[in-house]
Amino acid sequence: MLSASEIKELAKQVAKELKKGELLVSPNDIALMFGYAPNSTAIRQILEDPSFPAPVPLLEKGYRRYLRSDVEAWVQKKREEQSRLAFQTSPFMRQA
Protein backbone atom coordinates (compact mmCIF):
# COMPACT_ATOMS: atom_id res chain seq x y z
CA MET A 1 0.00 0.00 0.00
CA LEU A 2 1.31 3.43 -0.91
CA SER A 3 1.74 6.07 1.75
CA ALA A 4 0.22 9.51 1.38
CA SER A 5 3.61 11.01 0.53
CA GLU A 6 4.21 8.32 -2.15
CA ILE A 7 0.81 9.01 -3.69
CA LYS A 8 1.55 12.73 -3.70
CA GLU A 9 4.93 12.13 -5.38
CA LEU A 10 3.31 9.86 -7.95
CA ALA A 11 0.69 12.51 -8.69
CA LYS A 12 3.48 15.06 -9.24
CA GLN A 13 5.23 12.71 -11.68
CA VAL A 14 2.03 12.09 -13.62
CA ALA A 15 1.24 15.81 -13.72
CA LYS A 16 4.77 16.55 -14.94
CA GLU A 17 4.41 14.04 -17.80
CA LEU A 18 0.98 15.41 -18.73
CA LYS A 19 2.32 18.98 -18.79
CA LYS A 20 4.89 17.86 -21.35
CA GLY A 21 1.97 17.01 -23.59
CA GLU A 22 2.92 13.35 -23.45
CA LEU A 23 0.10 10.87 -23.31
CA LEU A 24 0.52 7.65 -21.43
CA VAL A 25 -0.93 4.53 -23.01
CA SER A 26 -1.59 1.10 -21.55
CA PRO A 27 -0.88 -2.24 -23.21
CA ASN A 28 -4.61 -2.38 -24.08
CA ASP A 29 -4.36 1.04 -25.74
CA ILE A 30 -1.35 -0.19 -27.73
CA ALA A 31 -3.28 -3.26 -28.82
CA LEU A 32 -6.06 -1.01 -30.12
CA MET A 33 -3.52 1.22 -31.90
CA PHE A 34 -2.25 -1.85 -33.78
CA GLY A 35 -5.68 -3.39 -34.32
CA TYR A 36 -5.07 -6.44 -32.12
CA ALA A 37 -7.08 -7.94 -29.29
CA PRO A 38 -5.63 -6.85 -25.92
CA ASN A 39 -4.59 -10.36 -24.90
CA SER A 40 -3.43 -11.55 -28.31
CA THR A 41 -0.13 -13.32 -28.90
CA ALA A 42 0.83 -10.63 -31.40
CA ILE A 43 0.56 -7.80 -28.87
CA ARG A 44 2.48 -9.81 -26.26
CA GLN A 45 5.26 -10.33 -28.80
CA ILE A 46 5.35 -6.62 -29.60
CA LEU A 47 5.55 -5.64 -25.91
CA GLU A 48 8.29 -8.24 -25.32
CA ASP A 49 10.36 -7.08 -28.31
CA PRO A 50 13.69 -5.82 -26.89
CA SER A 51 13.55 -2.80 -29.21
CA PHE A 52 10.09 -1.77 -27.94
CA PRO A 53 10.15 1.27 -25.62
CA ALA A 54 10.34 0.62 -21.90
CA PRO A 55 7.32 1.50 -19.78
CA VAL A 56 7.36 4.72 -17.76
CA PRO A 57 8.16 3.88 -14.13
CA LEU A 58 5.12 5.27 -12.32
CA LEU A 59 4.64 2.67 -9.62
CA GLU A 60 7.03 0.09 -8.29
CA LYS A 61 4.46 -2.69 -8.68
CA GLY A 62 1.94 -0.78 -10.73
CA TYR A 63 0.45 -1.01 -14.14
CA ARG A 64 2.66 -0.58 -17.19
CA ARG A 65 2.22 2.67 -19.10
CA TYR A 66 4.14 3.82 -22.15
CA LEU A 67 4.70 7.23 -23.68
CA ARG A 68 2.57 7.36 -26.79
CA SER A 69 5.26 9.35 -28.61
CA ASP A 70 7.80 6.56 -27.89
CA VAL A 71 5.42 3.92 -29.25
CA GLU A 72 4.72 6.00 -32.37
CA ALA A 73 8.46 6.57 -32.92
CA TRP A 74 9.05 2.80 -32.60
CA VAL A 75 6.36 2.12 -35.22
CA GLN A 76 7.92 4.67 -37.58
CA LYS A 77 11.36 3.12 -37.12
CA LYS A 78 9.97 -0.37 -37.86
CA ARG A 79 8.26 0.93 -41.01
CA GLU A 80 11.50 2.51 -42.22
CA GLU A 81 13.43 -0.70 -41.54
CA GLN A 82 10.87 -2.76 -43.47
CA SER A 83 10.89 -0.30 -46.37
CA ARG A 84 14.69 -0.36 -46.51
CA LEU A 85 14.72 -4.17 -46.45
CA ALA A 86 12.07 -4.37 -49.17
CA PHE A 87 14.05 -1.95 -51.33
CA GLN A 88 17.29 -3.89 -50.83
CA THR A 89 15.71 -7.25 -51.66
CA SER A 90 13.64 -6.05 -54.59
CA PRO A 91 14.37 -8.03 -57.81
CA PHE A 92 14.24 -4.72 -59.67
CA MET A 93 17.17 -3.39 -57.66
CA ARG A 94 19.53 -6.31 -58.35
CA GLN A 95 22.41 -5.58 -60.64
CA ALA A 96 22.94 -7.81 -63.64
PDB file of N, CA and C in Angstrom:
ATOM      1  N   MET A   1       0.844  -1.182   0.000  1.00  0.00           N
ATOM      2  CA  MET A   1       0.000   0.000   0.000  1.00  0.00           C
ATOM      3  C   MET A   1       0.890   1.246   0.000  1.00  0.00           C
ATOM      4  N   LEU A   2       0.534   2.187  -0.824  1.00  0.00           N
ATOM      5  CA  LEU A   2       1.309   3.430  -0.913  1.00  0.00           C
ATOM      6  C   LEU A   2       0.951   4.382   0.226  1.00  0.00           C
ATOM      7  N   SER A   3       1.967   5.057   0.722  1.00  0.00           N
ATOM      8  CA  SER A   3       1.736   6.068   1.750  1.00  0.00           C
ATOM      9  C   SER A   3       1.218   7.336   1.091  1.00  0.00           C
ATOM     10  N   ALA A   4       0.737   8.246   1.903  1.00  0.00           N
ATOM     11  CA  ALA A   4       0.215   9.508   1.381  1.00  0.00           C
ATOM     12  C   ALA A   4       1.301  10.293   0.652  1.00  0.00           C
ATOM     13  N   SER A   5       2.520  10.269   1.180  1.00  0.00           N
ATOM     14  CA  SER A   5       3.614  11.008   0.529  1.00  0.00           C
ATOM     15  C   SER A   5       3.991  10.357  -0.808  1.00  0.00           C
ATOM     16  N   GLU A   6       3.922   9.015  -0.889  1.00  0.00           N
ATOM     17  CA  GLU A   6       4.211   8.316  -2.151  1.00  0.00           C
ATOM     18  C   GLU A   6       3.145   8.622  -3.197  1.00  0.00           C
ATOM     19  N   ILE A   7       1.906   8.671  -2.770  1.00  0.00           N
ATOM     20  CA  ILE A   7       0.810   9.012  -3.693  1.00  0.00           C
ATOM     21  C   ILE A   7       0.978  10.438  -4.195  1.00  0.00           C
ATOM     22  N   LYS A   8       1.342  11.336  -3.308  1.00  0.00           N
ATOM     23  CA  LYS A   8       1.552  12.733  -3.697  1.00  0.00           C
ATOM     24  C   LYS A   8       2.693  12.843  -4.701  1.00  0.00           C
ATOM     25  N   GLU A   9       3.789  12.114  -4.461  1.00  0.00           N
ATOM     26  CA  GLU A   9       4.935  12.132  -5.381  1.00  0.00           C
ATOM     27  C   GLU A   9       4.545  11.547  -6.735  1.00  0.00           C
ATOM     28  N   LEU A  10       3.789  10.472  -6.709  1.00  0.00           N
ATOM     29  CA  LEU A  10       3.314   9.856  -7.948  1.00  0.00           C
ATOM     30  C   LEU A  10       2.437  10.835  -8.732  1.00  0.00           C
ATOM     31  N   ALA A  11       1.556  11.527  -8.039  1.00  0.00           N
ATOM     32  CA  ALA A  11       0.693  12.508  -8.691  1.00  0.00           C
ATOM     33  C   ALA A  11       1.521  13.622  -9.333  1.00  0.00           C
ATOM     34  N   LYS A  12       2.593  14.033  -8.676  1.00  0.00           N
ATOM     35  CA  LYS A  12       3.479  15.056  -9.240  1.00  0.00           C
ATOM     36  C   LYS A  12       4.142  14.552 -10.516  1.00  0.00           C
ATOM     37  N   GLN A  13       4.595  13.294 -10.494  1.00  0.00           N
ATOM     38  CA  GLN A  13       5.234  12.714 -11.678  1.00  0.00           C
ATOM     39  C   GLN A  13       4.252  12.627 -12.845  1.00  0.00           C
ATOM     40  N   VAL A  14       3.046  12.188 -12.573  1.00  0.00           N
ATOM     41  CA  VAL A  14       2.029  12.088 -13.620  1.00  0.00           C
ATOM     42  C   VAL A  14       1.708  13.472 -14.169  1.00  0.00           C
ATOM     43  N   ALA A  15       1.533  14.439 -13.282  1.00  0.00           N
ATOM     44  CA  ALA A  15       1.238  15.811 -13.720  1.00  0.00           C
ATOM     45  C   ALA A  15       2.378  16.365 -14.569  1.00  0.00           C
ATOM     46  N   LYS A  16       3.609  16.082 -14.181  1.00  0.00           N
ATOM     47  CA  LYS A  16       4.772  16.546 -14.942  1.00  0.00           C
ATOM     48  C   LYS A  16       4.761  15.972 -16.354  1.00  0.00           C
ATOM     49  N   GLU A  17       4.472  14.678 -16.478  1.00  0.00           N
ATOM     50  CA  GLU A  17       4.405  14.043 -17.797  1.00  0.00           C
ATOM     51  C   GLU A  17       3.268  14.631 -18.626  1.00  0.00           C
ATOM     52  N   LEU A  18       2.122  14.855 -17.999  1.00  0.00           N
ATOM     53  CA  LEU A  18       0.977  15.412 -18.727  1.00  0.00           C
ATOM     54  C   LEU A  18       1.244  16.840 -19.194  1.00  0.00           C
ATOM     55  N   LYS A  19       1.986  17.612 -18.398  1.00  0.00           N
ATOM     56  CA  LYS A  19       2.321  18.978 -18.794  1.00  0.00           C
ATOM     57  C   LYS A  19       3.222  18.998 -20.020  1.00  0.00           C
ATOM     58  N   LYS A  20       4.015  17.958 -20.178  1.00  0.00           N
ATOM     59  CA  LYS A  20       4.886  17.856 -21.347  1.00  0.00           C
ATOM     60  C   LYS A  20       4.066  17.603 -22.614  1.00  0.00           C
ATOM     61  N   GLY A  21       2.794  17.319 -22.431  1.00  0.00           N
ATOM     62  CA  GLY A  21       1.966  17.010 -23.587  1.00  0.00           C
ATOM     63  C   GLY A  21       2.081  15.547 -23.986  1.00  0.00           C
ATOM     64  N   GLU A  22       2.743  14.767 -23.167  1.00  0.00           N
ATOM     65  CA  GLU A  22       2.917  13.352 -23.447  1.00  0.00           C
ATOM     66  C   GLU A  22       1.718  12.581 -22.916  1.00  0.00           C
ATOM     67  N   LEU A  23       1.187  11.729 -23.742  1.00  0.00           N
ATOM     68  CA  LEU A  23       0.100  10.874 -23.312  1.00  0.00           C
ATOM     69  C   LEU A  23       0.651   9.514 -22.938  1.00  0.00           C
ATOM     70  N   LEU A  24       0.143   8.979 -21.855  1.00  0.00           N
ATOM     71  CA  LEU A  24       0.519   7.647 -21.433  1.00  0.00           C
ATOM     72  C   LEU A  24      -0.504   6.661 -21.966  1.00  0.00           C
ATOM     73  N   VAL A  25      -0.033   5.546 -22.480  1.00  0.00           N
ATOM     74  CA  VAL A  25      -0.928   4.529 -23.009  1.00  0.00           C
ATOM     75  C   VAL A  25      -0.642   3.200 -22.322  1.00  0.00           C
ATOM     76  N   SER A  26      -1.688   2.413 -22.175  1.00  0.00           N
ATOM     77  CA  SER A  26      -1.587   1.101 -21.549  1.00  0.00           C
ATOM     78  C   SER A  26      -1.345   0.046 -22.626  1.00  0.00           C
ATOM     79  N   PRO A  27      -0.998  -1.167 -22.222  1.00  0.00           N
ATOM     80  CA  PRO A  27      -0.883  -2.243 -23.210  1.00  0.00           C
ATOM     81  C   PRO A  27      -2.187  -2.444 -24.005  1.00  0.00           C
ATOM     82  N   ASN A  28      -3.328  -2.273 -23.363  1.00  0.00           N
ATOM     83  CA  ASN A  28      -4.607  -2.385 -24.083  1.00  0.00           C
ATOM     84  C   ASN A  28      -4.746  -1.284 -25.129  1.00  0.00           C
ATOM     85  N   ASP A  29      -4.323  -0.068 -24.783  1.00  0.00           N
ATOM     86  CA  ASP A  29      -4.358   1.038 -25.741  1.00  0.00           C
ATOM     87  C   ASP A  29      -3.456   0.731 -26.942  1.00  0.00           C
ATOM     88  N   ILE A  30      -2.291   0.158 -26.656  1.00  0.00           N
ATOM     89  CA  ILE A  30      -1.352  -0.186 -27.727  1.00  0.00           C
ATOM     90  C   ILE A  30      -1.956  -1.252 -28.626  1.00  0.00           C
ATOM     91  N   ALA A  31      -2.615  -2.225 -28.030  1.00  0.00           N
ATOM     92  CA  ALA A  31      -3.280  -3.264 -28.822  1.00  0.00           C
ATOM     93  C   ALA A  31      -4.294  -2.638 -29.771  1.00  0.00           C
ATOM     94  N   LEU A  32      -5.079  -1.687 -29.278  1.00  0.00           N
ATOM     95  CA  LEU A  32      -6.060  -1.008 -30.122  1.00  0.00           C
ATOM     96  C   LEU A  32      -5.399  -0.194 -31.218  1.00  0.00           C
ATOM     97  N   MET A  33      -4.256   0.443 -30.904  1.00  0.00           N
ATOM     98  CA  MET A  33      -3.517   1.220 -31.904  1.00  0.00           C
ATOM     99  C   MET A  33      -3.091   0.326 -33.074  1.00  0.00           C
ATOM    100  N   PHE A  34      -2.721  -0.920 -32.756  1.00  0.00           N
ATOM    101  CA  PHE A  34      -2.250  -1.854 -33.777  1.00  0.00           C
ATOM    102  C   PHE A  34      -3.367  -2.701 -34.369  1.00  0.00           C
ATOM    103  N   GLY A  35      -4.562  -2.608 -33.795  1.00  0.00           N
ATOM    104  CA  GLY A  35      -5.684  -3.387 -34.319  1.00  0.00           C
ATOM    105  C   GLY A  35      -5.689  -4.828 -33.844  1.00  0.00           C
ATOM    106  N   TYR A  36      -5.093  -5.097 -32.692  1.00  0.00           N
ATOM    107  CA  TYR A  36      -5.073  -6.436 -32.121  1.00  0.00           C
ATOM    108  C   TYR A  36      -5.968  -6.502 -30.889  1.00  0.00           C
ATOM    109  N   ALA A  37      -6.369  -7.725 -30.551  1.00  0.00           N
ATOM    110  CA  ALA A  37      -7.082  -7.937 -29.293  1.00  0.00           C
ATOM    111  C   ALA A  37      -6.088  -7.710 -28.149  1.00  0.00           C
ATOM    112  N   PRO A  38      -6.538  -7.160 -27.026  1.00  0.00           N
ATOM    113  CA  PRO A  38      -5.629  -6.847 -25.924  1.00  0.00           C
ATOM    114  C   PRO A  38      -4.796  -8.022 -25.412  1.00  0.00           C
ATOM    115  N   ASN A  39      -5.332  -9.215 -25.432  1.00  0.00           N
ATOM    116  CA  ASN A  39      -4.586 -10.360 -24.896  1.00  0.00           C
ATOM    117  C   ASN A  39      -4.035 -11.258 -25.998  1.00  0.00           C
ATOM    118  N   SER A  40      -3.890 -10.728 -27.197  1.00  0.00           N
ATOM    119  CA  SER A  40      -3.426 -11.548 -28.314  1.00  0.00           C
ATOM    120  C   SER A  40      -1.932 -11.855 -28.204  1.00  0.00           C
ATOM    121  N   THR A  41      -1.550 -12.942 -28.847  1.00  0.00           N
ATOM    122  CA  THR A  41      -0.134 -13.323 -28.897  1.00  0.00           C
ATOM    123  C   THR A  41       0.670 -12.235 -29.590  1.00  0.00           C
ATOM    124  N   ALA A  42       0.111 -11.659 -30.638  1.00  0.00           N
ATOM    125  CA  ALA A  42       0.827 -10.626 -31.398  1.00  0.00           C
ATOM    126  C   ALA A  42       1.187  -9.436 -30.514  1.00  0.00           C
ATOM    127  N   ILE A  43       0.259  -8.972 -29.704  1.00  0.00           N
ATOM    128  CA  ILE A  43       0.555  -7.801 -28.872  1.00  0.00           C
ATOM    129  C   ILE A  43       1.555  -8.164 -27.776  1.00  0.00           C
ATOM    130  N   ARG A  44       1.478  -9.379 -27.248  1.00  0.00           N
ATOM    131  CA  ARG A  44       2.478  -9.812 -26.260  1.00  0.00           C
ATOM    132  C   ARG A  44       3.869  -9.830 -26.884  1.00  0.00           C
ATOM    133  N   GLN A  45       3.962 -10.299 -28.123  1.00  0.00           N
ATOM    134  CA  GLN A  45       5.257 -10.330 -28.802  1.00  0.00           C
ATOM    135  C   GLN A  45       5.796  -8.924 -29.033  1.00  0.00           C
ATOM    136  N   ILE A  46       4.924  -8.004 -29.394  1.00  0.00           N
ATOM    137  CA  ILE A  46       5.346  -6.617 -29.596  1.00  0.00           C
ATOM    138  C   ILE A  46       5.878  -6.035 -28.288  1.00  0.00           C
ATOM    139  N   LEU A  47       5.139  -6.203 -27.196  1.00  0.00           N
ATOM    140  CA  LEU A  47       5.549  -5.637 -25.909  1.00  0.00           C
ATOM    141  C   LEU A  47       6.819  -6.289 -25.365  1.00  0.00           C
ATOM    142  N   GLU A  48       7.087  -7.528 -25.773  1.00  0.00           N
ATOM    143  CA  GLU A  48       8.289  -8.238 -25.317  1.00  0.00           C
ATOM    144  C   GLU A  48       9.485  -8.006 -26.234  1.00  0.00           C
ATOM    145  N   ASP A  49       9.270  -7.362 -27.379  1.00  0.00           N
ATOM    146  CA  ASP A  49      10.363  -7.080 -28.310  1.00  0.00           C
ATOM    147  C   ASP A  49      11.393  -6.198 -27.596  1.00  0.00           C
ATOM    148  N   PRO A  50      12.668  -6.613 -27.592  1.00  0.00           N
ATOM    149  CA  PRO A  50      13.690  -5.816 -26.892  1.00  0.00           C
ATOM    150  C   PRO A  50      13.822  -4.384 -27.411  1.00  0.00           C
ATOM    151  N   SER A  51      13.438  -4.155 -28.658  1.00  0.00           N
ATOM    152  CA  SER A  51      13.551  -2.805 -29.208  1.00  0.00           C
ATOM    153  C   SER A  51      12.343  -1.935 -28.863  1.00  0.00           C
ATOM    154  N   PHE A  52      11.285  -2.539 -28.293  1.00  0.00           N
ATOM    155  CA  PHE A  52      10.091  -1.771 -27.941  1.00  0.00           C
ATOM    156  C   PHE A  52      10.406  -0.871 -26.746  1.00  0.00           C
ATOM    157  N   PRO A  53       9.849   0.335 -26.725  1.00  0.00           N
ATOM    158  CA  PRO A  53      10.150   1.268 -25.624  1.00  0.00           C
ATOM    159  C   PRO A  53       9.801   0.688 -24.249  1.00  0.00           C
ATOM    160  N   ALA A  54      10.594   1.050 -23.277  1.00  0.00           N
ATOM    161  CA  ALA A  54      10.344   0.619 -21.897  1.00  0.00           C
ATOM    162  C   ALA A  54       9.165   1.395 -21.318  1.00  0.00           C
ATOM    163  N   PRO A  55       8.422   0.770 -20.417  1.00  0.00           N
ATOM    164  CA  PRO A  55       7.323   1.505 -19.777  1.00  0.00           C
ATOM    165  C   PRO A  55       7.856   2.619 -18.879  1.00  0.00           C
ATOM    166  N   VAL A  56       7.032   3.605 -18.655  1.00  0.00           N
ATOM    167  CA  VAL A  56       7.363   4.716 -17.765  1.00  0.00           C
ATOM    168  C   VAL A  56       7.219   4.215 -16.327  1.00  0.00           C
ATOM    169  N   PRO A  57       8.244   4.386 -15.508  1.00  0.00           N
ATOM    170  CA  PRO A  57       8.162   3.884 -14.129  1.00  0.00           C
ATOM    171  C   PRO A  57       7.297   4.788 -13.245  1.00  0.00           C
ATOM    172  N   LEU A  58       6.017   4.466 -13.161  1.00  0.00           N
ATOM    173  CA  LEU A  58       5.122   5.265 -12.323  1.00  0.00           C
ATOM    174  C   LEU A  58       4.960   4.663 -10.933  1.00  0.00           C
ATOM    175  N   LEU A  59       4.791   3.376 -10.891  1.00  0.00           N
ATOM    176  CA  LEU A  59       4.637   2.672  -9.621  1.00  0.00           C
ATOM    177  C   LEU A  59       5.586   1.489  -9.589  1.00  0.00           C
ATOM    178  N   GLU A  60       6.094   1.202  -8.410  1.00  0.00           N
ATOM    179  CA  GLU A  60       7.029   0.092  -8.291  1.00  0.00           C
ATOM    180  C   GLU A  60       6.385  -1.218  -8.740  1.00  0.00           C
ATOM    181  N   LYS A  61       5.162  -1.472  -8.305  1.00  0.00           N
ATOM    182  CA  LYS A  61       4.458  -2.693  -8.685  1.00  0.00           C
ATOM    183  C   LYS A  61       3.151  -2.353  -9.397  1.00  0.00           C
ATOM    184  N   GLY A  62       3.169  -1.250 -10.110  1.00  0.00           N
ATOM    185  CA  GLY A  62       1.944  -0.779 -10.729  1.00  0.00           C
ATOM    186  C   GLY A  62       1.748  -1.260 -12.148  1.00  0.00           C
ATOM    187  N   TYR A  63       0.780  -0.690 -12.762  1.00  0.00           N
ATOM    188  CA  TYR A  63       0.454  -1.006 -14.141  1.00  0.00           C
ATOM    189  C   TYR A  63       1.496  -0.417 -15.070  1.00  0.00           C
ATOM    190  N   ARG A  64       1.707  -1.091 -16.205  1.00  0.00           N
ATOM    191  CA  ARG A  64       2.655  -0.580 -17.193  1.00  0.00           C
ATOM    192  C   ARG A  64       1.974   0.500 -18.031  1.00  0.00           C
ATOM    193  N   ARG A  65       2.679   1.593 -18.234  1.00  0.00           N
ATOM    194  CA  ARG A  65       2.222   2.670 -19.098  1.00  0.00           C
ATOM    195  C   ARG A  65       3.405   3.090 -19.957  1.00  0.00           C
ATOM    196  N   TYR A  66       3.112   3.456 -21.181  1.00  0.00           N
ATOM    197  CA  TYR A  66       4.143   3.823 -22.155  1.00  0.00           C
ATOM    198  C   TYR A  66       3.852   5.218 -22.664  1.00  0.00           C
ATOM    199  N   LEU A  67       4.898   5.936 -23.046  1.00  0.00           N
ATOM    200  CA  LEU A  67       4.697   7.231 -23.677  1.00  0.00           C
ATOM    201  C   LEU A  67       4.235   6.984 -25.108  1.00  0.00           C
ATOM    202  N   ARG A  68       3.120   7.567 -25.452  1.00  0.00           N
ATOM    203  CA  ARG A  68       2.569   7.364 -26.792  1.00  0.00           C
ATOM    204  C   ARG A  68       3.570   7.786 -27.865  1.00  0.00           C
ATOM    205  N   SER A  69       4.294   8.869 -27.619  1.00  0.00           N
ATOM    206  CA  SER A  69       5.264   9.347 -28.611  1.00  0.00           C
ATOM    207  C   SER A  69       6.385   8.323 -28.821  1.00  0.00           C
ATOM    208  N   ASP A  70       6.787   7.612 -27.755  1.00  0.00           N
ATOM    209  CA  ASP A  70       7.804   6.563 -27.892  1.00  0.00           C
ATOM    210  C   ASP A  70       7.278   5.403 -28.728  1.00  0.00           C
ATOM    211  N   VAL A  71       6.031   5.025 -28.488  1.00  0.00           N
ATOM    212  CA  VAL A  71       5.418   3.923 -29.247  1.00  0.00           C
ATOM    213  C   VAL A  71       5.303   4.316 -30.719  1.00  0.00           C
ATOM    214  N   GLU A  72       4.850   5.537 -30.978  1.00  0.00           N
ATOM    215  CA  GLU A  72       4.716   5.996 -32.369  1.00  0.00           C
ATOM    216  C   GLU A  72       6.070   6.073 -33.065  1.00  0.00           C
ATOM    217  N   ALA A  73       7.109   6.514 -32.343  1.00  0.00           N
ATOM    218  CA  ALA A  73       8.461   6.569 -32.920  1.00  0.00           C
ATOM    219  C   ALA A  73       8.960   5.160 -33.232  1.00  0.00           C
ATOM    220  N   TRP A  74       8.653   4.195 -32.364  1.00  0.00           N
ATOM    221  CA  TRP A  74       9.046   2.801 -32.596  1.00  0.00           C
ATOM    222  C   TRP A  74       8.380   2.258 -33.854  1.00  0.00           C
ATOM    223  N   VAL A  75       7.094   2.562 -34.029  1.00  0.00           N
ATOM    224  CA  VAL A  75       6.362   2.122 -35.222  1.00  0.00           C
ATOM    225  C   VAL A  75       6.994   2.720 -36.472  1.00  0.00           C
ATOM    226  N   GLN A  76       7.305   4.006 -36.427  1.00  0.00           N
ATOM    227  CA  GLN A  76       7.917   4.671 -37.576  1.00  0.00           C
ATOM    228  C   GLN A  76       9.265   4.037 -37.923  1.00  0.00           C
ATOM    229  N   LYS A  77      10.059   3.745 -36.898  1.00  0.00           N
ATOM    230  CA  LYS A  77      11.364   3.120 -37.121  1.00  0.00           C
ATOM    231  C   LYS A  77      11.195   1.739 -37.760  1.00  0.00           C
ATOM    232  N   LYS A  78      10.231   0.964 -37.286  1.00  0.00           N
ATOM    233  CA  LYS A  78       9.972  -0.368 -37.855  1.00  0.00           C
ATOM    234  C   LYS A  78       9.547  -0.255 -39.321  1.00  0.00           C
ATOM    235  N   ARG A  79       8.705   0.721 -39.615  1.00  0.00           N
ATOM    236  CA  ARG A  79       8.263   0.931 -41.007  1.00  0.00           C
ATOM    237  C   ARG A  79       9.453   1.263 -41.905  1.00  0.00           C
ATOM    238  N   GLU A  80      10.328   2.137 -41.424  1.00  0.00           N
ATOM    239  CA  GLU A  80      11.502   2.513 -42.215  1.00  0.00           C
ATOM    240  C   GLU A  80      12.418   1.314 -42.442  1.00  0.00           C
ATOM    241  N   GLU A  81      12.599   0.493 -41.406  1.00  0.00           N
ATOM    242  CA  GLU A  81      13.431  -0.705 -41.537  1.00  0.00           C
ATOM    243  C   GLU A  81      12.838  -1.668 -42.570  1.00  0.00           C
ATOM    244  N   GLN A  82      11.520  -1.857 -42.516  1.00  0.00           N
ATOM    245  CA  GLN A  82      10.871  -2.759 -43.466  1.00  0.00           C
ATOM    246  C   GLN A  82      10.950  -2.212 -44.891  1.00  0.00           C
ATOM    247  N   SER A  83      10.797  -0.916 -45.048  1.00  0.00           N
ATOM    248  CA  SER A  83      10.895  -0.304 -46.374  1.00  0.00           C
ATOM    249  C   SER A  83      12.305  -0.456 -46.935  1.00  0.00           C
ATOM    250  N   ARG A  84      13.306  -0.225 -46.092  1.00  0.00           N
ATOM    251  CA  ARG A  84      14.693  -0.359 -46.513  1.00  0.00           C
ATOM    252  C   ARG A  84      14.987  -1.799 -46.928  1.00  0.00           C
ATOM    253  N   LEU A  85      14.511  -2.761 -46.151  1.00  0.00           N
ATOM    254  CA  LEU A  85      14.722  -4.170 -46.454  1.00  0.00           C
ATOM    255  C   LEU A  85      14.025  -4.548 -47.760  1.00  0.00           C
ATOM    256  N   ALA A  86      12.802  -4.074 -47.943  1.00  0.00           N
ATOM    257  CA  ALA A  86      12.068  -4.374 -49.170  1.00  0.00           C
ATOM    258  C   ALA A  86      12.783  -3.786 -50.384  1.00  0.00           C
ATOM    259  N   PHE A  87      13.325  -2.598 -50.240  1.00  0.00           N
ATOM    260  CA  PHE A  87      14.050  -1.948 -51.328  1.00  0.00           C
ATOM    261  C   PHE A  87      15.318  -2.730 -51.667  1.00  0.00           C
ATOM    262  N   GLN A  88      16.036  -3.166 -50.631  1.00  0.00           N
ATOM    263  CA  GLN A  88      17.293  -3.887 -50.834  1.00  0.00           C
ATOM    264  C   GLN A  88      17.085  -5.268 -51.456  1.00  0.00           C
ATOM    265  N   THR A  89      15.962  -5.893 -51.164  1.00  0.00           N
ATOM    266  CA  THR A  89      15.714  -7.251 -51.657  1.00  0.00           C
ATOM    267  C   THR A  89      14.847  -7.284 -52.910  1.00  0.00           C
ATOM    268  N   SER A  90      14.481  -6.119 -53.414  1.00  0.00           N
ATOM    269  CA  SER A  90      13.641  -6.054 -54.594  1.00  0.00           C
ATOM    270  C   SER A  90      14.377  -6.623 -55.823  1.00  0.00           C
ATOM    271  N   PRO A  91      13.713  -7.489 -56.606  1.00  0.00           N
ATOM    272  CA  PRO A  91      14.369  -8.029 -57.808  1.00  0.00           C
ATOM    273  C   PRO A  91      14.678  -6.933 -58.833  1.00  0.00           C
ATOM    274  N   PHE A  92      14.001  -5.823 -58.738  1.00  0.00           N
ATOM    275  CA  PHE A  92      14.244  -4.723 -59.670  1.00  0.00           C
ATOM    276  C   PHE A  92      15.507  -3.939 -59.329  1.00  0.00           C
ATOM    277  N   MET A  93      15.993  -4.130 -58.099  1.00  0.00           N
ATOM    278  CA  MET A  93      17.172  -3.394 -57.663  1.00  0.00           C
ATOM    279  C   MET A  93      18.455  -4.217 -57.785  1.00  0.00           C
ATOM    280  N   ARG A  94      18.352  -5.473 -58.182  1.00  0.00           N
ATOM    281  CA  ARG A  94      19.530  -6.314 -58.346  1.00  0.00           C
ATOM    282  C   ARG A  94      20.282  -5.908 -59.609  1.00  0.00           C
ATOM    283  N   GLN A  95      21.583  -5.916 -59.489  1.00  0.00           N
ATOM    284  CA  GLN A  95      22.411  -5.576 -60.643  1.00  0.00           C
ATOM    285  C   GLN A  95      22.684  -6.824 -61.452  1.00  0.00           C
ATOM    286  N   ALA A  96      22.707  -6.676 -62.751  1.00  0.00           N
ATOM    287  CA  ALA A  96      22.936  -7.815 -63.642  1.00  0.00           C
ATOM    288  C   ALA A  96      24.396  -8.160 -63.737  1.00  0.00           C
TER     289      ALA A  96
END
